[in-house]
Amino acid sequence: MRIAIAQLNYKIGDFAGNYAKIEKAIVEKAPLCDLIIFSELSLCGYYPMDLIDSADFIALQDETIAKLEKLTEDLKTSVVIGIIDKNKGRGKSYHNSLCLISKGKRLYTYDKRLLPVYNIFDEARHFAPGNKPGVTTFEGVKIGFLICEDGWAGEDNILYECNPVNDLSTLAVDLIISINGSPSNIGKQAERVKHFSPIAKRCHAPLLFINQVGGNDDIIFDGASFAVDAKGQLQGCMPSFQESVGTLAISNKQLTLNEEFKPYQAPTECELFYQQTILGLKDYVSKCGFQQVVLGLSGGIDSALTLVLAVKALGKQNVTALSMPARYSSKSSVDDAKALCDALGVTMIIAPIEEEFSLCLTQFEKNFKQKPSSLTEQNIQARLRGRILMEYSNQTGALVLSTGNKSELSVGYTTIYGDMTGGFNMIGDLYKTQVYELAKYYNQLHPEHAIPDAIIHKAPSAELAPNQKDADSLPEYDILDPILKLYIEGDLLPKAEQKQYQDKIQHLSKELILKVHKMVDNAEFKRRQSPPIIRVQRRAFGMGRQVPIAAIYPYPKG
């Protein structure tokens, strides 16, 4: 049997656009393949959330399925594709399903049995679980089906009452097809291979892992579909972060892969950050209907990194930088910002806020009969800058990019309606130390448009008060970040990585560590008001870390 794997970039709810991509892949590969496989919920895009509850949304999907069935009427090629299917039993109204379509008819449907409700997933909110193993025979090949989470339970399986892999292992299948909507984060591809390779070995059958690619809001899919032989050995991976249709053949459980599949090479963290943030911004801008972006460029590392990544994603002609100096802005910061814009060919508009800042201080004292505190002064400046960015956005239609990093967002070292202003954040899931690492990686790739050394090596400062440094309010970032990493996502780290971070903080006082933990929890109300942030870590703020605002958090005593 000749098979094509299509990892495509879908837009949620864009049935016409998604169908056009699917149709193109089918028509191109029909002469070469007996079966073309698409990813989880590929017709509607993953994940549609409460759009699933819309009757019109389901009706549009069903119309698209009918078009797909008609397309296959005169083709030798058949299709496996992820859909939303009506639940005819008790429970939620729909299943997360896949169907096998051939010669204009739906030959087989399988309903996803394990519905994840952890981290960023909440599928049980919308779907009923299936209750039957996914096995059918097609073209003489006995195929076992999995839909994403069905393959993640593991042999210990402490989350679910059933394990679909157990059933497949007893049913003598010839091939396993797993369709997925598997978001990317640090270490994710290695985790996929670690989980799915043993499935192939256990079932004595080769396994095909089909994923999608592209950004949907804060979630980015990296593609990286792969094939594993019946011995559990990884045979090859498709490209990461780009659309691709790979072809292969299977005969007597033996795989023959074509050139789209390459040997697996794990990306470094910086490689992942770089590709994921660029794709995330590119897709967010295009899928939301924007054409241009604008950001405040302070001369600091966070805004500089955001600028260069935005230029790589969208082109210099679609990026504008606003420099908004005031009395505490150093001349070197403004000069550094201008030098970077000149190197990139980006338009930089200088919009000083000093006059308005002075007026605000006077008006504050007039209104409240007292002088503003240092903190109030700092926030006034940040909010003036946020207001100017939004005014520019209103005037031009450009999307405002906020530039805060995860370290600052974690501990609340941010200003609501100030530096948090924006419609999207590329680097908000990167800790400050990772921001520096990515900046250096970018400079290695693009020395001709490098972030100036002066920006990289200057002491971090918001420049909102005289001689201000971040270290005046926070621990140094090489101390702060390991504390944050362990507190926010420590339970998700591999044991070796856990120990690595524990070793970094073991010399620190319990008082300091607890202080940082409390800062994280006290800042939850701010993060609720953040723009969407591209997710790259194992646990991101938002859906990935759901905690109440009005609460007493449990802290260790002593």
Protein backbone atom coordinates (compact mmCIF):
# COMPACT_ATOMS: atom_id res chain seq x y z
CA MET A 1 0.00 0.00 0.00
CA ARG A 2 1.24 3.48 -0.92
CA ILE A 3 0.46 6.16 1.66
CA ALA A 4 0.74 9.95 1.82
CA ILE A 5 0.95 11.88 5.10
CA ALA A 6 -0.28 15.48 4.86
CA GLN A 7 0.83 17.87 7.61
CA LEU A 8 -0.92 21.10 6.71
CA ASN A 9 -1.59 24.48 8.31
CA TYR A 10 -5.29 24.90 9.11
CA LYS A 11 -7.28 27.90 10.26
CA ILE A 12 -10.00 27.22 12.81
CA GLY A 13 -13.44 27.52 11.26
CA ASP A 14 -12.10 28.22 7.76
CA PHE A 15 -13.80 25.27 6.13
CA ALA A 16 -13.39 26.64 2.62
CA GLY A 17 -9.69 27.39 3.09
CA ASN A 18 -8.98 24.13 4.89
CA TYR A 19 -10.83 22.15 2.24
CA ALA A 20 -8.82 23.87 -0.51
CA LYS A 21 -5.56 22.70 1.13
CA ILE A 22 -6.91 19.19 1.59
CA GLU A 23 -8.23 19.01 -1.96
CA LYS A 24 -4.90 20.17 -3.39
CA ALA A 25 -3.00 17.49 -1.47
CA ILE A 26 -5.45 14.79 -2.57
CA VAL A 27 -5.40 15.78 -6.23
CA GLU A 28 -1.60 15.99 -6.31
CA LYS A 29 -1.02 12.65 -4.59
CA ALA A 30 -3.98 10.69 -5.99
CA PRO A 31 -1.97 9.20 -8.89
CA LEU A 32 0.76 8.06 -6.50
CA CYS A 33 -1.05 6.83 -3.39
CA ASP A 34 -3.76 4.48 -2.23
CA LEU A 35 -4.36 6.37 1.01
CA ILE A 36 -3.85 9.97 2.12
CA ILE A 37 -3.91 10.75 5.85
CA PHE A 38 -4.72 14.12 7.44
CA SER A 39 -4.44 15.21 11.07
CA GLU A 40 -6.84 15.48 13.99
CA LEU A 41 -9.86 17.77 13.46
CA SER A 42 -8.21 18.96 10.26
CA LEU A 43 -11.43 20.01 8.54
CA CYS A 44 -12.32 22.52 11.25
CA GLY A 45 -8.85 23.19 12.70
CA TYR A 46 -7.61 22.29 16.18
CA TYR A 47 -8.94 23.34 18.67
CA PRO A 48 -12.31 25.02 17.94
CA MET A 49 -13.36 25.19 21.61
CA ASP A 50 -16.95 26.40 22.10
CA LEU A 51 -17.46 26.88 18.36
CA ILE A 52 -18.27 23.17 18.53
CA ASP A 53 -21.52 24.13 20.28
CA SER A 54 -22.64 26.16 17.27
CA ALA A 55 -25.09 24.35 15.01
CA ASP A 56 -23.93 26.49 12.08
CA PHE A 57 -20.32 25.45 12.69
CA ILE A 58 -21.24 21.77 12.58
CA ALA A 59 -23.44 22.29 9.52
CA LEU A 60 -20.53 23.89 7.64
CA GLN A 61 -18.30 21.00 8.58
CA ASP A 62 -20.85 18.45 7.39
CA GLU A 63 -21.19 20.29 4.08
CA THR A 64 -17.42 20.13 3.71
CA ILE A 65 -17.38 16.41 4.46
CA ALA A 66 -19.96 15.94 1.70
CA LYS A 67 -17.68 17.83 -0.72
CA LEU A 68 -14.78 15.62 0.30
CA GLU A 69 -16.84 12.48 -0.27
CA LYS A 70 -17.80 13.71 -3.73
CA LEU A 71 -14.16 14.48 -4.53
CA THR A 72 -13.20 10.85 -3.91
CA GLU A 73 -15.97 9.37 -6.07
CA ASP A 74 -13.77 8.97 -9.14
CA LEU A 75 -10.43 8.61 -7.41
CA LYS A 76 -8.51 5.47 -6.63
CA THR A 77 -7.13 7.25 -3.56
CA SER A 78 -8.93 7.03 -0.23
CA VAL A 79 -8.73 9.49 2.66
CA VAL A 80 -8.37 9.32 6.46
CA ILE A 81 -9.29 12.62 8.08
CA GLY A 82 -10.16 14.04 11.49
CA ILE A 83 -13.74 15.29 11.96
CA ILE A 84 -16.38 16.15 14.54
CA ASP A 85 -18.98 13.38 14.47
CA LYS A 86 -22.44 13.17 16.00
CA ASN A 87 -22.73 11.12 19.18
CA LYS A 88 -25.72 8.80 18.87
CA GLY A 89 -25.50 7.66 22.47
CA ARG A 90 -25.53 9.32 25.88
CA GLY A 91 -23.24 12.14 26.94
CA LYS A 92 -21.90 15.10 25.01
CA SER A 93 -23.39 15.69 21.59
CA TYR A 94 -20.25 14.97 19.58
CA HIS A 95 -17.21 12.76 19.24
CA ASN A 96 -13.69 13.74 18.20
CA SER A 97 -13.40 11.26 15.36
CA LEU A 98 -11.66 10.18 12.21
CA CYS A 99 -13.26 8.68 9.15
CA LEU A 100 -12.06 6.64 6.20
CA ILE A 101 -13.60 7.90 2.96
CA SER A 102 -13.37 5.92 -0.27
CA LYS A 103 -15.21 6.12 -3.59
CA GLY A 104 -17.55 8.78 -2.28
CA LYS A 105 -18.54 6.91 0.88
CA ARG A 106 -17.56 6.87 4.50
CA LEU A 107 -16.36 3.31 5.00
CA TYR A 108 -15.33 3.54 8.63
CA THR A 109 -15.46 5.93 11.60
CA TYR A 110 -13.45 5.78 14.80
CA ASP A 111 -14.20 7.90 17.89
CA LYS A 112 -11.39 9.11 20.12
CA ARG A 113 -11.53 7.22 23.40
CA LEU A 114 -9.24 9.26 25.68
CA LEU A 115 -10.13 12.94 26.05
CA PRO A 116 -7.39 15.04 27.69
CA VAL A 117 -8.41 17.58 30.32
CA TYR A 118 -4.97 18.66 31.56
CA ASN A 119 -2.52 21.43 30.76
CA ILE A 120 -3.91 23.28 27.70
CA PHE A 121 -6.48 20.59 26.83
CA ASP A 122 -10.17 20.49 27.74
CA GLU A 123 -11.72 18.08 25.25
CA ALA A 124 -14.18 16.51 27.70
CA ARG A 125 -15.92 19.88 27.75
CA HIS A 126 -17.15 19.24 24.21
CA PHE A 127 -16.80 15.57 23.34
CA ALA A 128 -18.04 12.19 24.51
CA PRO A 129 -15.40 9.44 24.56
CA GLY A 130 -15.61 6.57 22.11
CA ASN A 131 -16.01 3.05 23.44
CA LYS A 132 -14.72 0.77 20.70
CA PRO A 133 -11.22 -0.12 19.46
CA GLY A 134 -10.17 1.53 16.22
CA VAL A 135 -9.56 -1.34 13.82
CA THR A 136 -10.58 -1.92 10.23
CA THR A 137 -9.22 -3.73 7.18
CA PHE A 138 -8.51 -1.69 4.06
CA GLU A 139 -6.89 -2.94 0.85
CA GLY A 140 -5.95 -6.12 2.67
CA VAL A 141 -4.15 -4.25 5.46
CA LYS A 142 -5.49 -4.46 9.00
CA ILE A 143 -5.19 -0.92 10.35
CA GLY A 144 -5.35 0.15 13.98
CA PHE A 145 -6.30 3.77 14.63
CA LEU A 146 -5.40 6.15 17.43
CA ILE A 147 -6.32 9.82 17.82
CA CYS A 148 -3.59 11.68 19.71
CA GLU A 149 -4.31 11.16 23.44
CA ASP A 150 -5.25 7.53 22.72
CA GLY A 151 -1.53 6.86 22.43
CA TRP A 152 -0.34 8.95 25.39
CA ALA A 153 -1.76 6.90 28.30
CA GLY A 154 1.34 4.71 28.59
CA GLU A 155 1.46 1.22 30.03
CA ASP A 156 1.05 2.49 33.60
CA ASN A 157 -2.12 4.44 32.54
CA ILE A 158 -3.13 6.16 35.76
CA LEU A 159 -5.48 8.69 34.11
CA TYR A 160 -8.02 6.61 32.22
CA GLU A 161 -10.22 3.56 32.70
CA CYS A 162 -9.15 2.07 29.38
CA ASN A 163 -6.06 2.04 27.20
CA PRO A 164 -6.71 1.87 23.44
CA VAL A 165 -3.20 0.56 22.85
CA ASN A 166 -3.98 -2.55 24.92
CA ASP A 167 -6.75 -3.41 22.48
CA LEU A 168 -4.58 -2.85 19.41
CA SER A 169 -1.85 -5.05 20.89
CA THR A 170 -4.25 -8.03 20.98
CA LEU A 171 -5.82 -7.54 17.55
CA ALA A 172 -2.85 -8.40 15.29
CA VAL A 173 -2.88 -5.17 13.29
CA ASP A 174 -0.56 -4.66 10.32
CA LEU A 175 -0.27 -0.88 10.65
CA ILE A 176 -1.06 1.77 13.25
CA ILE A 177 -2.20 5.22 12.15
CA SER A 178 -2.24 7.95 14.79
CA ILE A 179 -3.68 11.32 13.75
CA ASN A 180 -2.80 14.19 16.04
CA GLY A 181 -3.25 17.83 16.98
CA SER A 182 -0.04 17.84 19.02
CA PRO A 183 1.20 21.32 19.99
CA SER A 184 4.89 22.08 20.12
CA ASN A 185 6.89 22.94 23.21
CA ILE A 186 10.38 22.31 24.56
CA GLY A 187 11.20 18.61 24.33
CA LYS A 188 7.87 17.65 22.75
CA GLN A 189 9.18 15.72 19.74
CA ALA A 190 11.42 13.59 21.95
CA GLU A 191 8.42 12.89 24.19
CA ARG A 192 6.32 11.84 21.19
CA VAL A 193 8.93 9.41 19.97
CA LYS A 194 9.43 8.09 23.50
CA HIS A 195 5.68 7.37 23.86
CA PHE A 196 4.82 6.12 20.40
CA SER A 197 7.84 4.00 19.51
CA PRO A 198 7.02 1.42 22.23
CA ILE A 199 3.45 1.23 20.87
CA ALA A 200 4.74 0.00 17.52
CA LYS A 201 7.04 -2.51 19.21
CA ARG A 202 4.30 -3.73 21.53
CA CYS A 203 1.82 -4.18 18.69
CA HIS A 204 4.43 -5.65 16.31
CA ALA A 205 3.31 -3.18 13.65
CA PRO A 206 4.76 -0.02 12.10
CA LEU A 207 3.24 3.26 13.29
CA LEU A 208 2.61 6.51 11.45
CA PHE A 209 2.29 9.68 13.55
CA ILE A 210 0.53 12.44 11.61
CA ASN A 211 0.54 15.97 12.99
CA GLN A 212 -0.46 19.41 11.72
CA VAL A 213 1.61 22.58 11.47
CA GLY A 214 0.97 26.26 12.13
CA GLY A 215 -0.22 28.67 14.80
CA ASN A 216 -3.72 28.94 16.22
CA ASP A 217 -3.76 31.75 18.79
CA ASP A 218 -1.07 30.97 21.37
CA ILE A 219 -0.71 27.30 20.40
CA ILE A 220 1.84 26.39 17.72
CA PHE A 221 1.96 23.06 15.89
CA ASP A 222 5.32 21.97 14.56
CA GLY A 223 4.34 19.14 12.22
CA ALA A 224 7.35 16.80 12.53
CA SER A 225 5.20 13.79 11.57
CA PHE A 226 7.16 10.56 11.77
CA ALA A 227 7.25 6.84 11.02
CA VAL A 228 8.30 4.02 13.35
CA ASP A 229 8.94 0.43 12.25
CA ALA A 230 7.48 -2.70 13.86
CA LYS A 231 10.54 -2.98 16.13
CA GLY A 232 9.91 0.47 17.55
CA GLN A 233 12.77 2.12 15.68
CA LEU A 234 12.25 5.65 14.39
CA GLN A 235 12.65 5.58 10.62
CA GLY A 236 12.31 9.24 9.73
CA CYS A 237 10.61 12.58 10.43
CA MET A 238 8.96 15.11 8.17
CA PRO A 239 10.01 18.78 8.36
CA SER A 240 9.30 20.87 11.43
CA PHE A 241 7.34 24.14 11.23
CA GLN A 242 6.46 23.83 7.56
CA GLU A 243 3.72 22.27 5.50
CA SER A 244 4.69 19.06 3.77
CA VAL A 245 3.18 15.96 2.23
CA GLY A 246 5.34 12.88 2.69
CA THR A 247 4.94 9.55 0.94
CA LEU A 248 5.84 6.01 1.90
CA ALA A 249 4.94 2.42 1.16
CA ILE A 250 4.12 -0.50 3.43
CA SER A 251 4.37 -4.16 2.48
CA ASN A 252 4.31 -7.06 4.93
CA LYS A 253 4.76 -4.59 7.77
CA GLN A 254 7.91 -3.16 6.16
CA LEU A 255 8.14 0.59 5.55
CA THR A 256 9.82 2.30 2.62
CA LEU A 257 10.04 6.05 3.13
CA ASN A 258 10.49 8.67 0.45
CA GLU A 259 12.71 11.72 0.58
CA GLU A 260 10.34 13.91 2.63
CA PHE A 261 11.35 11.85 5.68
CA LYS A 262 14.72 12.68 7.22
CA PRO A 263 16.68 11.26 10.15
CA TYR A 264 15.52 12.77 13.42
CA GLN A 265 17.70 15.53 14.81
CA ALA A 266 16.46 17.14 18.01
CA PRO A 267 16.47 20.94 17.80
CA THR A 268 18.24 22.97 20.42
CA GLU A 269 16.01 25.10 22.64
CA CYS A 270 17.02 28.22 20.75
CA GLU A 271 16.28 26.61 17.38
CA LEU A 272 12.83 25.72 18.66
CA PHE A 273 12.21 29.17 20.13
CA TYR A 274 13.31 30.85 16.92
CA GLN A 275 11.18 28.81 14.53
CA GLN A 276 8.17 28.65 16.82
CA THR A 277 7.93 32.35 17.61
CA ILE A 278 8.35 33.38 13.98
CA LEU A 279 5.69 30.95 12.75
CA GLY A 280 3.42 31.91 15.65
CA LEU A 281 3.48 35.61 14.81
CA LYS A 282 3.20 35.04 11.07
CA ASP A 283 0.09 32.90 11.49
CA TYR A 284 -1.52 35.08 14.16
CA VAL A 285 -1.17 38.17 11.97
CA SER A 286 -2.45 36.50 8.80
CA LYS A 287 -5.24 34.48 10.40
CA CYS A 288 -6.55 37.48 12.33
CA GLY A 289 -6.49 39.72 9.26
CA PHE A 290 -3.68 42.09 10.22
CA GLN A 291 -0.97 43.26 7.85
CA GLN A 292 1.38 45.28 10.03
CA VAL A 293 2.65 45.36 13.61
CA VAL A 294 4.01 48.06 15.89
CA LEU A 295 5.99 47.84 19.11
CA GLY A 296 7.64 50.12 21.62
CA LEU A 297 11.41 49.96 21.20
CA SER A 298 13.20 50.99 24.39
CA GLY A 299 16.77 50.04 23.60
CA GLY A 300 16.47 47.02 25.93
CA ILE A 301 16.88 43.37 25.07
CA ASP A 302 13.21 42.33 25.17
CA SER A 303 11.94 44.87 22.66
CA ALA A 304 15.03 44.40 20.49
CA LEU A 305 14.47 40.65 20.28
CA THR A 306 10.77 41.14 19.57
CA LEU A 307 11.67 43.56 16.77
CA VAL A 308 14.11 41.29 14.97
CA LEU A 309 11.81 38.27 15.22
CA ALA A 310 8.89 40.31 13.91
CA VAL A 311 10.98 41.43 10.93
CA LYS A 312 11.89 37.81 10.16
CA ALA A 313 8.24 36.80 10.39
CA LEU A 314 6.63 39.67 8.48
CA GLY A 315 9.29 41.63 6.61
CA LYS A 316 10.74 45.03 7.50
CA GLN A 317 8.04 46.87 5.56
CA ASN A 318 5.35 45.54 7.92
CA VAL A 319 7.03 46.45 11.21
CA THR A 320 7.15 49.88 12.86
CA ALA A 321 9.02 50.78 16.05
CA LEU A 322 8.09 53.64 18.37
CA SER A 323 10.76 55.14 20.60
CA MET A 324 9.13 57.05 23.46
CA PRO A 325 11.87 58.58 25.60
CA ALA A 326 11.36 60.54 28.79
CA ARG A 327 13.64 62.06 31.46
CA TYR A 328 14.98 58.71 32.66
CA SER A 329 15.68 57.28 29.19
CA SER A 330 19.40 57.16 28.56
CA LYS A 331 20.73 58.59 25.31
CA SER A 332 22.55 55.32 24.69
CA SER A 333 19.26 53.38 24.78
CA VAL A 334 17.68 55.65 22.16
CA ASP A 335 20.84 55.47 20.04
CA ASP A 336 20.95 51.67 20.33
CA ALA A 337 17.32 51.41 19.27
CA LYS A 338 17.96 53.64 16.25
CA ALA A 339 21.05 51.67 15.26
CA LEU A 340 19.09 48.44 15.26
CA CYS A 341 16.26 49.92 13.18
CA ASP A 342 18.76 51.35 10.71
CA ALA A 343 20.45 47.96 10.34
CA LEU A 344 17.10 46.25 9.76
CA GLY A 345 15.67 48.99 7.53
CA VAL A 346 12.71 49.40 9.90
CA THR A 347 10.89 52.69 10.31
CA MET A 348 11.41 54.12 13.79
CA ILE A 349 9.20 56.96 14.98
CA ILE A 350 10.43 59.02 17.94
CA ALA A 351 7.49 60.15 20.08
CA PRO A 352 8.83 61.72 23.32
CA ILE A 353 6.57 61.52 26.37
CA GLU A 354 8.39 64.02 28.60
CA GLU A 355 5.93 66.87 28.07
CA GLU A 356 2.92 64.66 28.81
CA PHE A 357 4.71 63.06 31.73
CA SER A 358 5.33 66.46 33.33
CA LEU A 359 1.72 67.41 32.80
CA CYS A 360 0.56 64.14 34.39
CA LEU A 361 2.69 64.77 37.48
CA THR A 362 1.26 68.26 37.84
CA GLN A 363 -2.29 67.07 37.32
CA PHE A 364 -1.84 64.21 39.77
CA GLU A 365 -0.77 66.59 42.52
CA LYS A 366 -3.63 68.93 41.67
CA ASN A 367 -6.20 66.13 41.78
CA PHE A 368 -4.99 64.21 44.83
CA LYS A 369 -3.23 66.95 46.87
CA GLN A 370 -0.04 64.95 47.14
CA LYS A 371 2.97 64.07 45.06
CA PRO A 372 2.96 60.75 43.22
CA SER A 373 5.12 58.01 44.70
CA SER A 374 8.04 56.60 42.74
CA LEU A 375 5.95 53.59 41.75
CA THR A 376 3.13 55.81 40.54
CA GLU A 377 5.59 57.88 38.50
CA GLN A 378 6.98 54.75 36.89
CA ASN A 379 3.55 53.44 35.98
CA ILE A 380 2.46 56.80 34.56
CA GLN A 381 5.34 56.61 32.07
CA ALA A 382 4.54 53.02 31.11
CA ARG A 383 0.87 53.84 30.60
CA LEU A 384 1.64 56.89 28.49
CA ARG A 385 3.68 54.65 26.22
CA GLY A 386 0.93 52.05 26.10
CA ARG A 387 -1.58 54.73 25.17
CA ILE A 388 0.59 56.04 22.33
CA LEU A 389 1.05 52.56 20.94
CA MET A 390 -2.70 52.00 20.93
CA GLU A 391 -3.29 55.38 19.30
CA TYR A 392 -0.91 54.41 16.51
CA SER A 393 -2.70 51.08 16.23
CA ASN A 394 -6.09 52.79 16.00
CA GLN A 395 -4.81 55.13 13.32
CA THR A 396 -3.03 52.56 11.14
CA GLY A 397 -4.61 49.20 11.98
CA ALA A 398 -1.23 47.79 13.06
CA LEU A 399 -1.26 45.09 15.73
CA VAL A 400 0.57 46.13 18.91
CA LEU A 401 3.17 43.63 20.08
CA SER A 402 3.86 43.64 23.79
CA THR A 403 7.41 42.79 24.77
CA GLY A 404 7.39 41.40 28.32
CA ASN A 405 9.25 38.16 29.09
CA LYS A 406 8.10 35.29 31.31
CA SER A 407 10.32 36.24 34.24
CA GLU A 408 8.74 39.68 34.47
CA LEU A 409 5.21 38.38 33.91
CA SER A 410 5.77 35.68 36.51
CA VAL A 411 6.57 38.05 39.35
CA GLY A 412 4.40 40.97 38.28
CA TYR A 413 7.27 43.24 37.24
CA THR A 414 4.94 44.75 34.66
CA THR A 415 2.39 47.54 34.32
CA ILE A 416 -1.22 46.88 33.39
CA TYR A 417 -2.20 49.18 30.50
CA GLY A 418 1.49 50.02 30.18
CA ASP A 419 4.13 47.59 28.95
CA MET A 420 1.48 44.83 28.99
CA THR A 421 -0.52 46.73 26.36
CA GLY A 422 -0.83 44.86 23.09
CA GLY A 423 -2.64 42.28 21.03
CA PHE A 424 0.06 39.59 20.98
CA ASN A 425 3.31 38.68 22.71
CA MET A 426 6.04 36.66 21.01
CA ILE A 427 8.44 36.24 23.93
CA GLY A 428 6.15 36.10 26.96
CA ASP A 429 6.85 32.39 27.52
CA LEU A 430 10.62 32.89 27.47
CA TYR A 431 12.41 33.44 30.76
CA LYS A 432 14.78 36.40 30.76
CA THR A 433 17.89 34.22 30.54
CA GLN A 434 16.34 32.50 27.52
CA VAL A 435 15.70 35.91 25.93
CA TYR A 436 19.45 36.54 26.05
CA GLU A 437 20.21 33.08 24.68
CA LEU A 438 17.81 33.55 21.79
CA ALA A 439 19.22 37.01 21.04
CA LYS A 440 22.72 35.55 20.78
CA TYR A 441 21.42 32.71 18.60
CA TYR A 442 19.72 35.22 16.32
CA ASN A 443 22.98 37.18 16.00
CA GLN A 444 24.80 34.03 14.96
CA LEU A 445 22.23 33.44 12.22
CA HIS A 446 22.02 37.06 11.08
CA PRO A 447 25.26 38.93 11.79
CA GLU A 448 24.36 41.48 9.13
CA HIS A 449 21.29 42.54 11.16
CA ALA A 450 22.64 41.77 14.62
CA ILE A 451 21.23 43.11 17.85
CA PRO A 452 23.97 45.52 19.03
CA ASP A 453 26.29 44.22 21.73
CA ALA A 454 25.47 47.32 23.76
CA ILE A 455 21.87 46.11 24.07
CA ILE A 456 22.85 42.58 25.00
CA HIS A 457 25.44 43.53 27.59
CA LYS A 458 23.77 46.45 29.36
CA ALA A 459 22.26 45.81 32.79
CA PRO A 460 18.50 45.21 32.46
CA SER A 461 16.51 48.33 33.35
CA ALA A 462 13.02 49.66 32.78
CA GLU A 463 14.52 53.20 32.86
CA LEU A 464 11.51 54.57 34.72
CA ALA A 465 13.44 56.01 37.68
CA PRO A 466 16.91 57.49 38.28
CA ASN A 467 19.70 54.91 37.79
CA GLN A 468 17.13 52.13 37.91
CA LYS A 469 18.13 48.48 37.45
CA ASP A 470 15.90 45.40 37.46
CA ALA A 471 18.17 43.98 40.18
CA ASP A 472 16.95 46.74 42.51
CA SER A 473 13.57 44.98 42.70
CA LEU A 474 14.30 41.40 41.69
CA PRO A 475 16.97 38.77 42.22
CA GLU A 476 19.46 38.57 39.37
CA TYR A 477 17.83 36.67 36.52
CA ASP A 478 20.26 33.74 36.65
CA ILE A 479 19.02 33.26 40.23
CA LEU A 480 15.36 34.11 39.62
CA ASP A 481 14.78 31.98 36.53
CA PRO A 482 15.66 28.56 38.04
CA ILE A 483 13.30 29.31 40.95
CA LEU A 484 10.53 30.21 38.50
CA LYS A 485 11.19 27.23 36.24
CA LEU A 486 10.85 24.76 39.09
CA TYR A 487 7.84 26.46 40.65
CA ILE A 488 5.83 26.90 37.46
CA GLU A 489 6.65 23.73 35.55
CA GLY A 490 8.94 21.63 37.71
CA ASP A 491 6.55 18.65 37.84
CA LEU A 492 6.64 18.43 34.02
CA LEU A 493 10.42 18.45 33.67
CA PRO A 494 12.39 15.25 33.04
CA LYS A 495 14.15 14.11 36.20
CA ALA A 496 17.60 15.06 34.94
CA GLU A 497 16.40 18.57 34.14
CA GLN A 498 14.65 18.85 37.49
CA LYS A 499 17.92 18.04 39.24
CA GLN A 500 19.78 20.54 37.08
CA TYR A 501 17.53 23.37 38.28
CA GLN A 502 17.44 22.11 41.86
CA ASP A 503 21.22 22.20 41.95
CA LYS A 504 21.11 25.83 40.82
CA ILE A 505 18.94 26.94 43.73
CA GLN A 506 20.05 24.61 46.54
CA HIS A 507 22.34 27.29 48.01
CA LEU A 508 19.54 29.88 48.14
CA SER A 509 17.63 30.69 51.31
CA LYS A 510 14.15 29.28 51.80
CA GLU A 511 12.98 32.82 52.49
CA LEU A 512 14.07 34.01 49.05
CA ILE A 513 12.49 31.06 47.27
CA LEU A 514 9.21 31.50 49.15
CA LYS A 515 9.24 35.23 48.41
CA VAL A 516 9.49 34.50 44.67
CA HIS A 517 6.70 31.93 44.88
CA LYS A 518 4.43 34.48 46.53
CA MET A 519 5.29 37.07 43.88
CA VAL A 520 4.22 34.61 41.19
CA ASP A 521 0.88 33.92 42.85
CA ASN A 522 0.17 37.55 43.70
CA ALA A 523 0.67 38.53 40.05
CA GLU A 524 -2.06 36.23 38.73
CA PHE A 525 -4.51 39.13 38.40
CA LYS A 526 -2.10 40.89 36.05
CA ARG A 527 -1.51 37.87 33.85
CA ARG A 528 -5.25 37.44 33.35
CA GLN A 529 -5.08 40.74 31.47
CA SER A 530 -2.14 39.82 29.27
CA PRO A 531 -2.48 39.51 25.50
CA PRO A 532 -2.09 36.01 23.98
CA ILE A 533 1.45 34.68 24.43
CA ILE A 534 3.13 32.16 22.13
CA ARG A 535 3.50 28.96 24.14
CA VAL A 536 6.93 27.30 24.05
CA GLN A 537 7.37 25.88 27.57
CA ARG A 538 5.88 22.70 28.97
CA ARG A 539 3.55 24.84 31.09
CA ALA A 540 2.54 28.32 29.98
CA PHE A 541 0.39 30.82 31.83
CA GLY A 542 -3.28 30.83 30.88
CA MET A 543 -4.86 27.49 30.01
CA GLY A 544 -1.67 25.72 31.06
CA ARG A 545 -1.72 27.04 34.63
CA GLN A 546 -5.21 27.64 35.95
CA VAL A 547 -5.29 29.07 39.45
CA PRO A 548 -7.76 31.40 41.18
CA ILE A 549 -7.00 35.05 41.82
CA ALA A 550 -8.87 35.43 45.11
CA ALA A 551 -7.33 32.58 47.08
CA ILE A 552 -4.89 31.57 49.78
CA TYR A 553 -2.10 29.56 48.19
CA PRO A 554 -0.49 26.65 50.05
CA TYR A 555 3.12 27.34 50.98
CA PRO A 556 5.47 25.11 52.98
CA LYS A 557 5.95 26.12 56.63
CA GLY A 558 9.32 26.83 58.13
